[in-house]
Structures are given as structure tokens and as C-alpha cells.
């Protein structure tokens, strides 16, 4: 049985649904914490995935489903608040009568420093929660392979996402579910890629202190700004990893040790869209309301998986979820069976 030191997962992660009104100030409350990373998607029409964080500030956003650089605008986020966030009236986050999903993570402890490793040390700033295993790091590239970026988690991250802010470059992902010399892209449906001549990350896994970069512009262009999101496994709260498909509707069971509230999945051996499900857009099993992190598409319906008290069970035989003998990576967040307060989390 899995235990966790996090007795209330919504103190660190929560999905919040809302209906927008296109007002100049829409307060989204009930998140359960002051988020440092907010990911918003319009559910009922084609629209961009909007990603905002407290390290870059309220006037900055990125499009998760695009390789576009950072946008500066006051029309999106107004503030990160004690129990949520306040939006301005851009239609991507606050269109009249549109419904949205927001996924919210708390970091909270801030700091700054100078990067390490090969080449010239550069400035970086960060926000981190070692309790929930999440950090946001904004850093400056130095163009030298072996440049190391401190992540401040105290243990090796198992899922890391990097985006160049001032460049038209794809989102880069490394994961414990991939081989150490592989990476994959968040805004694309393409398969994993070997580091090889791309040289975007060092061909070793992140350590308990740093993520090591290659010299490529996507992750380390000299004097360009980058944002890095790091997640590590925390017993009973978060888990990243991989599973192998079996090609039929009685798919594999993936053990997480907790009841997932959020799951993203990507096939790695071949092309296939990223898949995102959560326990708020569909409160009953099977979970069948899916969004696609690499696409602007509206929410799609179709049975994908059952969310249970200690993991998830794949119910689809489609290639994006469960092709026979093929490999998938995932990242999940949720609530343990029992926390240190001895309060059980029951299956639904």
C-alpha cells in the first residue's frame, strides 16, 4: 500500500474547470493553492494551449501546442491569487460562454543563482517545492555542451520540459520513461529522437542537482532565455514512467501508487498525438474526455482508461494509447491511498 507525506494533493496540484464571461477581470477560484504554473485549454472549440508561470510573470505566456516564442501581453493573466488566478479577456483563456480546463501546480520557494558546468556561467531564477517535486527554472543559455542547470529538487527529475523563449523552437521533453539518450517534443506527434547530432541534452539522465544540456539552440543558445519545468516522482502523489501496449481493449494496468487526477501519455516508438485526461472533466469511469497537448483541437470523446485507486487501466486499442508491443511514456498526479494523516482515498 502506498503512503505519502502529502495529505492533500490539491495543496500542490489541482484541475479547475471554469466557464468564461469575456470580462476584463475573471477570478478563477477553488484551486486550493496559489499556483505558480497554470496551463489553460478551451474545451469546446479549437484554441491554443496557454502556459503561464510566476517565474516569467503575469504578462508572459507560451503556446504549448506550438513552437512559437514567448508572447508578452496583458490580455491573458492578471494575477496569481491565493486560491487560483485572475484572467483578463483574451479569448484563448476567457472567451464569452466558453468552457475551459486549467491545470495548476504550486512551487513557491524562490531564488536565483549562476548556472554551472561547461562554458560561461549564466544567471537563472527559480521557484521550487521539494515536497511535491516540482520546480520552474528560467535560465540563460551559454551555447556550450555540458552546461548544467540547477533544478533545486534534491532528487533527480523524472520528467523535464524545456522551451526557448525568444526563438521559434519546439518544446523538448526528457523522461525516465525514455532511454537516457532520447528526447521527444511536446508540441509534435513525432516519435522519440536520439540525441545524436541534435545535442539538445547530455546523453545521461538528470542528476539529483542539475539537468545537463547539449549545445543546440533548442535548449542552450548562447544568451537566449529558456524556461524549464522539472517534475520528480513523489510517493503517493506523482509518477512518471512508461508502459508497453498489448493492442487490445483489455489494455495494460499502470501502477502509480495513487489515484490519478491527471495523466498525459505519448507513444514513443512511432508518431501519435499526446493524450491528456483528468478526473474533473469526466468524473466517472471509463474516462473518455481527452485533450491533446500538441493540438489546438477541442475535447474529444471516446473510452480511453479507467482511473482506479492505485493507477490506471488502459481500455483503448488505438495506436495513441495501446499498440501491441509498443512503448508509451506518461506523467501523472493524484492522491495516495493513505497519507500520513491515515485518511484513506477510496476507489470510485
Protein backbone atom coordinates (compact mmCIF):
# COMPACT_ATOMS: atom_id res chain seq x y z
CA UNK A 1 0.00 0.00 0.00
CA UNK A 2 1.33 3.43 -0.96
CA UNK A 3 1.76 6.16 1.63
CA UNK A 4 2.63 9.80 1.15
CA UNK A 5 3.67 12.81 3.18
CA UNK A 6 1.24 14.87 1.08
CA UNK A 7 -2.09 14.58 2.84
CA UNK A 8 -3.97 16.91 0.48
CA UNK A 9 -2.84 16.73 -3.12
CA UNK A 10 -4.79 19.88 -4.04
CA UNK A 11 -2.32 21.88 -1.95
CA UNK A 12 0.12 21.29 -4.82
CA UNK A 13 -1.84 20.26 -7.91
CA UNK A 14 -5.43 20.66 -8.99
CA UNK A 15 -7.56 20.72 -12.12
CA UNK A 16 -10.03 23.59 -12.12
CA UNK A 17 -12.81 23.90 -14.71
CA UNK A 18 -14.46 27.23 -15.42
CA UNK A 19 -16.88 28.95 -17.78
CA UNK A 20 -15.64 32.28 -19.09
CA UNK A 21 -17.55 35.55 -19.46
CA UNK A 22 -15.09 37.65 -21.51
CA UNK A 23 -14.98 40.24 -18.73
CA UNK A 24 -11.90 42.36 -18.15
CA UNK A 25 -11.31 40.53 -14.87
CA UNK A 26 -12.37 36.91 -14.32
CA UNK A 27 -11.34 35.42 -10.96
CA UNK A 28 -10.96 31.63 -11.12
CA UNK A 29 -11.12 30.34 -7.54
CA UNK A 30 -11.23 26.97 -5.82
CA UNK A 31 -7.80 25.82 -6.99
CA UNK A 32 -6.76 25.13 -3.39
CA UNK A 33 -3.42 26.93 -3.58
CA UNK A 34 -1.67 29.87 -5.24
CA UNK A 35 -0.42 28.33 -8.49
CA UNK A 36 2.99 29.03 -9.97
CA UNK A 37 2.32 27.14 -13.21
CA UNK A 38 -1.06 27.43 -14.97
CA UNK A 39 -1.91 25.52 -18.16
CA UNK A 40 -5.26 26.51 -19.77
CA UNK A 41 -7.18 24.92 -22.65
CA UNK A 42 -10.53 25.84 -24.20
CA UNK A 43 -12.54 22.61 -24.16
CA UNK A 44 -15.34 23.25 -26.68
CA UNK A 45 -13.52 24.83 -29.62
CA UNK A 46 -10.16 24.79 -31.35
CA UNK A 47 -7.80 27.03 -29.40
CA UNK A 48 -4.22 27.08 -28.23
CA UNK A 49 -2.88 25.51 -25.05
CA UNK A 50 -1.77 28.54 -22.99
CA UNK A 51 1.05 28.12 -20.46
CA UNK A 52 1.85 30.75 -17.84
CA UNK A 53 4.09 30.75 -14.77
CA UNK A 54 5.07 33.01 -11.90
CA UNK A 55 8.80 32.97 -12.68
CA UNK A 56 8.30 34.63 -16.07
CA UNK A 57 5.46 36.81 -14.74
CA UNK A 58 1.82 37.52 -15.48
CA UNK A 59 2.38 39.33 -18.78
CA UNK A 60 4.20 36.38 -20.38
CA UNK A 61 2.72 33.26 -21.93
CA UNK A 62 3.69 30.41 -24.20
CA UNK A 63 1.59 28.22 -26.51
CA UNK A 64 2.14 24.59 -25.53
CA UNK A 65 0.78 23.28 -28.83
CA UNK A 66 3.11 25.46 -30.91
CA UNK A 67 6.81 26.12 -31.38
CA UNK A 68 6.22 29.90 -31.21
CA UNK A 69 8.31 32.02 -28.90
CA UNK A 70 7.10 33.73 -25.74
CA UNK A 71 4.39 36.38 -26.08
CA UNK A 72 4.19 39.49 -23.91
CA UNK A 73 0.59 40.58 -23.38
CA UNK A 74 -1.56 41.94 -20.56
CA UNK A 75 -4.69 40.38 -22.12
CA UNK A 76 -4.20 36.92 -20.59
CA UNK A 77 -3.20 36.67 -16.91
CA UNK A 78 -3.84 39.46 -14.41
CA UNK A 79 -2.57 37.79 -11.22
CA UNK A 80 -1.74 34.55 -9.43
CA UNK A 81 -4.01 34.54 -6.36
CA UNK A 82 -4.20 32.74 -3.01
CA UNK A 83 -6.86 30.29 -4.25
CA UNK A 84 -6.46 30.48 -8.02
CA UNK A 85 -5.80 33.19 -10.59
CA UNK A 86 -7.42 36.18 -12.29
CA UNK A 87 -7.65 36.44 -16.07
CA UNK A 88 -8.11 39.28 -18.48
CA UNK A 89 -10.31 38.96 -21.56
CA UNK A 90 -8.33 37.25 -24.33
CA UNK A 91 -10.50 34.55 -25.94
CA UNK A 92 -7.81 31.88 -25.53
CA UNK A 93 -8.42 31.96 -21.77
CA UNK A 94 -11.66 33.95 -21.30
CA UNK A 95 -13.95 33.79 -24.32
CA UNK A 96 -17.63 34.52 -23.78
CA UNK A 97 -19.57 31.42 -22.63
CA UNK A 98 -16.69 29.08 -23.46
CA UNK A 99 -15.68 26.29 -21.11
CA UNK A 100 -12.07 25.77 -20.06
CA UNK A 101 -9.86 23.37 -18.17
CA UNK A 102 -6.94 24.68 -16.15
CA UNK A 103 -4.23 22.52 -14.62
CA UNK A 104 -2.42 24.16 -11.75
CA UNK A 105 0.83 23.38 -9.93
CA UNK A 106 2.36 25.08 -6.91
CA UNK A 107 6.12 25.57 -6.47
CA UNK A 108 6.57 28.55 -4.16
CA UNK A 109 10.13 28.85 -2.80
CA UNK A 110 12.01 31.30 -5.00
CA UNK A 111 15.66 32.06 -5.57
CA UNK A 112 18.33 32.81 -8.15
CA UNK A 113 21.91 31.88 -8.95
CA UNK A 114 24.52 31.23 -11.62
CA UNK A 115 24.49 28.09 -13.75
CA UNK A 116 27.34 25.59 -13.59
CA UNK A 117 29.21 23.10 -15.77
CA UNK A 118 30.97 23.78 -19.06
CA UNK A 119 31.21 27.23 -20.58
CA UNK A 120 30.34 30.60 -19.07
CA UNK A 121 28.07 30.56 -16.02
CA UNK A 122 24.78 32.36 -16.66
CA UNK A 123 22.04 33.80 -14.49
CA UNK A 124 18.99 31.75 -13.59
CA UNK A 125 15.96 32.18 -11.32
CA UNK A 126 13.60 29.56 -9.96
CA UNK A 127 10.58 28.57 -7.90
CA UNK A 128 10.53 25.12 -6.28
CA UNK A 129 8.59 22.80 -3.99
CA UNK A 130 10.74 19.91 -2.79
CA UNK A 131 7.66 18.50 -1.04
CA UNK A 132 5.73 17.99 -4.27
CA UNK A 133 8.77 17.52 -6.50
CA UNK A 134 8.23 20.42 -8.90
CA UNK A 135 10.43 23.31 -9.99
CA UNK A 136 10.35 26.09 -12.57
CA UNK A 137 13.72 27.39 -13.75
CA UNK A 138 14.30 30.32 -16.10
CA UNK A 139 17.87 30.28 -17.36
CA UNK A 140 20.17 31.84 -19.94
CA UNK A 141 21.90 29.54 -22.43
CA UNK A 142 25.67 29.59 -23.00
CA UNK A 143 25.96 27.53 -26.20
CA UNK A 144 28.38 25.01 -24.67
CA UNK A 145 27.67 21.29 -24.30
CA UNK A 146 27.87 20.30 -20.65
CA UNK A 147 26.15 23.46 -19.40
CA UNK A 148 24.35 22.40 -16.20
CA UNK A 149 21.16 23.97 -14.84
CA UNK A 150 20.41 23.50 -11.11
CA UNK A 151 16.82 22.32 -10.57
CA UNK A 152 16.76 22.55 -6.72
CA UNK A 153 14.59 19.45 -6.23
CA UNK A 154 17.09 17.47 -4.18
CA UNK A 155 16.40 14.37 -6.28
CA UNK A 156 16.60 13.65 -9.98
CA UNK A 157 13.63 14.87 -12.03
CA UNK A 158 11.79 12.15 -13.95
CA UNK A 159 10.08 14.46 -16.45
CA UNK A 160 11.64 17.70 -17.74
CA UNK A 161 10.23 20.14 -20.29
CA UNK A 162 12.31 22.93 -21.87
CA UNK A 163 11.22 25.78 -24.18
CA UNK A 164 13.32 28.52 -25.79
CA UNK A 165 11.55 31.79 -25.01
CA UNK A 166 12.82 34.06 -27.77
CA UNK A 167 13.07 31.50 -30.55
CA UNK A 168 10.70 29.57 -32.79
CA UNK A 169 11.77 26.18 -31.47
CA UNK A 170 9.83 23.11 -30.32
CA UNK A 171 9.23 22.11 -26.71
CA UNK A 172 11.80 19.49 -25.66
CA UNK A 173 10.96 16.65 -23.22
CA UNK A 174 13.18 14.13 -21.45
CA UNK A 175 11.68 11.46 -19.21
CA UNK A 176 12.65 8.50 -17.08
CA UNK A 177 10.38 6.54 -19.42
CA UNK A 178 12.75 7.24 -22.31
CA UNK A 179 16.28 5.96 -22.74
CA UNK A 180 18.85 8.40 -21.41
CA UNK A 181 19.97 9.36 -24.93
CA UNK A 182 16.43 10.08 -26.21
CA UNK A 183 14.14 13.11 -26.21
CA UNK A 184 10.65 13.85 -27.56
CA UNK A 185 8.70 17.01 -28.39
CA UNK A 186 5.59 18.24 -26.56
CA UNK A 187 4.12 20.23 -29.47
CA UNK A 188 4.54 17.46 -32.06
CA UNK A 189 3.17 13.97 -32.67
CA UNK A 190 6.57 12.62 -33.74
CA UNK A 191 8.37 9.68 -32.19
CA UNK A 192 11.30 9.90 -29.80
CA UNK A 193 14.61 11.08 -31.24
CA UNK A 194 18.18 10.10 -30.39
CA UNK A 195 20.36 12.93 -29.11
CA UNK A 196 22.99 12.15 -31.74
CA UNK A 197 23.86 15.25 -33.72
CA UNK A 198 20.91 17.17 -32.21
CA UNK A 199 22.84 17.61 -28.95
CA UNK A 200 19.91 19.10 -27.03
CA UNK A 201 20.65 17.35 -23.74
CA UNK A 202 23.60 15.44 -22.42
CA UNK A 203 23.08 11.71 -23.05
CA UNK A 204 22.85 10.96 -19.34
CA UNK A 205 19.86 11.37 -17.09
CA UNK A 206 19.48 14.46 -14.90
CA UNK A 207 21.23 14.15 -11.54
CA UNK A 208 19.88 14.99 -8.09
CA UNK A 209 21.17 18.54 -8.56
CA UNK A 210 21.30 19.51 -12.27
CA UNK A 211 19.99 18.97 -15.77
CA UNK A 212 22.88 18.81 -18.26
CA UNK A 213 22.40 20.44 -21.66
CA UNK A 214 23.92 19.99 -25.08
CA UNK A 215 24.91 22.91 -27.28
CA UNK A 216 21.83 23.01 -29.54
CA UNK A 217 19.78 26.22 -29.89
CA UNK A 218 16.58 24.46 -28.77
CA UNK A 219 17.90 24.20 -25.21
CA UNK A 220 21.10 26.19 -24.91
CA UNK A 221 21.57 29.01 -27.44
CA UNK A 222 24.08 31.49 -26.10
CA UNK A 223 22.49 34.45 -24.30
CA UNK A 224 18.94 33.29 -25.08
CA UNK A 225 16.34 32.82 -22.32
CA UNK A 226 14.75 29.42 -21.64
CA UNK A 227 12.12 28.05 -19.29
CA UNK A 228 12.44 24.60 -17.73
CA UNK A 229 9.75 22.68 -15.84
CA UNK A 230 11.03 19.77 -13.72
CA UNK A 231 8.93 17.06 -12.07
CA UNK A 232 10.15 14.17 -9.94
CA UNK A 233 8.37 11.13 -8.54
CA UNK A 234 6.87 11.62 -5.08
CA UNK A 235 5.37 8.54 -3.42
CA UNK A 236 1.60 8.74 -3.38
CA UNK A 237 1.41 11.99 -5.38
CA UNK A 238 3.28 11.98 -8.71
CA UNK A 239 4.79 9.39 -11.00
CA UNK A 240 6.33 9.38 -14.46
CA UNK A 241 7.35 6.26 -16.30
CA UNK A 242 6.46 4.02 -19.23
CA UNK A 243 4.32 1.04 -20.19
CA UNK A 244 4.12 -1.37 -23.12
CA UNK A 245 0.92 -1.74 -25.12
CA UNK A 246 -0.84 -5.03 -25.84
CA UNK A 247 -3.04 -3.94 -28.76
CA UNK A 248 -6.48 -4.81 -27.37
CA UNK A 249 -9.25 -3.17 -25.37
CA UNK A 250 -8.24 -5.13 -22.26
CA UNK A 251 -5.13 -3.00 -22.03
CA UNK A 252 -2.31 -2.89 -19.50
CA UNK A 253 -2.72 -1.72 -15.93
CA UNK A 254 -0.25 1.02 -14.96
CA UNK A 255 0.55 1.16 -11.26
CA UNK A 256 1.15 4.63 -9.83
CA UNK A 257 0.56 4.00 -6.12
CA UNK A 258 -2.20 6.62 -6.00
CA UNK A 259 -5.49 7.53 -7.63
CA UNK A 260 -4.53 9.69 -10.63
CA UNK A 261 -6.18 13.06 -11.10
CA UNK A 262 -4.20 13.99 -14.23
CA UNK A 263 -2.46 11.81 -16.82
CA UNK A 264 -0.59 12.67 -20.01
CA UNK A 265 0.56 9.90 -22.36
CA UNK A 266 2.70 9.77 -25.51
CA UNK A 267 3.60 6.90 -27.78
CA UNK A 268 7.39 6.94 -28.21
CA UNK A 269 8.29 4.40 -30.92
CA UNK A 270 6.14 5.98 -33.64
CA UNK A 271 4.08 9.05 -34.35
CA UNK A 272 0.94 9.67 -32.32
CA UNK A 273 -0.70 12.64 -30.61
CA UNK A 274 -0.15 13.34 -26.93
CA UNK A 275 -3.18 12.39 -24.78
CA UNK A 276 -4.41 14.23 -21.66
CA UNK A 277 -7.17 13.07 -19.30
CA UNK A 278 -8.15 14.18 -15.81
CA UNK A 279 -10.71 13.41 -13.10
CA UNK A 280 -12.65 16.69 -13.35
CA UNK A 281 -13.74 16.77 -16.98
CA UNK A 282 -15.01 13.20 -16.63
CA UNK A 283 -15.86 12.08 -13.09
CA UNK A 284 -16.98 8.56 -13.99
CA UNK A 285 -15.15 5.57 -15.40
CA UNK A 286 -14.32 4.96 -18.14
CA UNK A 287 -12.55 8.28 -18.59
CA UNK A 288 -13.42 9.40 -22.10
CA UNK A 289 -12.83 13.15 -22.46
CA UNK A 290 -9.43 13.70 -23.99
CA UNK A 291 -7.41 16.76 -24.95
CA UNK A 292 -4.23 16.75 -27.00
CA UNK A 293 -1.25 18.81 -25.76
CA UNK A 294 0.24 19.03 -29.27
CA UNK A 295 -3.02 20.11 -30.93
CA UNK A 296 -5.41 23.06 -30.66
CA UNK A 297 -8.37 20.66 -31.14
CA UNK A 298 -11.43 20.76 -28.93
CA UNK A 299 -12.10 18.00 -26.43
CA UNK A 300 -12.69 14.56 -27.91
CA UNK A 301 -14.89 11.76 -26.56
CA UNK A 302 -14.18 8.03 -26.52
CA UNK A 303 -13.33 5.47 -23.84
CA UNK A 304 -9.63 5.62 -23.01
CA UNK A 305 -8.97 4.31 -19.50
CA UNK A 306 -10.31 3.58 -16.04
CA UNK A 307 -8.84 5.61 -13.18
CA UNK A 308 -8.62 3.46 -10.05
CA UNK A 309 -7.27 3.83 -6.53
CA UNK A 310 -3.70 2.83 -7.35
CA UNK A 311 -3.24 3.60 -11.06
CA UNK A 312 -4.99 3.45 -14.40
CA UNK A 313 -6.19 0.70 -16.73
CA UNK A 314 -5.98 1.23 -20.49
CA UNK A 315 -9.23 0.42 -22.33
CA UNK A 316 -8.35 1.55 -25.85
CA UNK A 317 -6.61 -0.45 -28.59
CA UNK A 318 -5.79 2.63 -30.65
CA UNK A 319 -2.18 3.34 -31.54
CA UNK A 320 -2.04 6.51 -29.46
CA UNK A 321 -2.82 4.51 -26.30
CA UNK A 322 -2.10 0.84 -26.74
CA UNK A 323 -0.47 -0.51 -29.89
CA UNK A 324 0.83 -4.05 -29.44
CA UNK A 325 4.38 -4.29 -28.07
CA UNK A 326 4.89 -0.55 -28.40
CA UNK A 327 6.12 1.83 -25.72
CA UNK A 328 4.40 4.79 -24.08
CA UNK A 329 5.58 7.38 -21.57
CA UNK A 330 3.29 9.03 -19.05
CA UNK A 331 3.24 11.62 -16.28
CA UNK A 332 0.56 11.53 -13.58
CA UNK A 333 -0.52 13.33 -10.41
CA UNK A 334 -3.09 12.38 -7.80
CA UNK A 335 -3.77 11.28 -4.24
CA UNK A 336 -2.38 8.31 -2.34
CA UNK A 337 -4.43 5.53 -0.85
CA UNK A 338 -3.36 6.68 2.61
CA UNK A 339 -1.37 9.71 3.70
CA UNK A 340 0.49 10.34 6.92
CA UNK A 341 -2.82 11.56 8.39
CA UNK A 342 -4.15 7.98 7.90
CA UNK A 343 -7.09 9.20 5.82
CA UNK A 344 -7.84 6.68 3.02
CA UNK A 345 -8.52 7.64 -0.56
CA UNK A 346 -11.14 5.19 -1.85
CA UNK A 347 -11.59 4.00 -5.41
CA UNK A 348 -14.59 5.27 -7.34
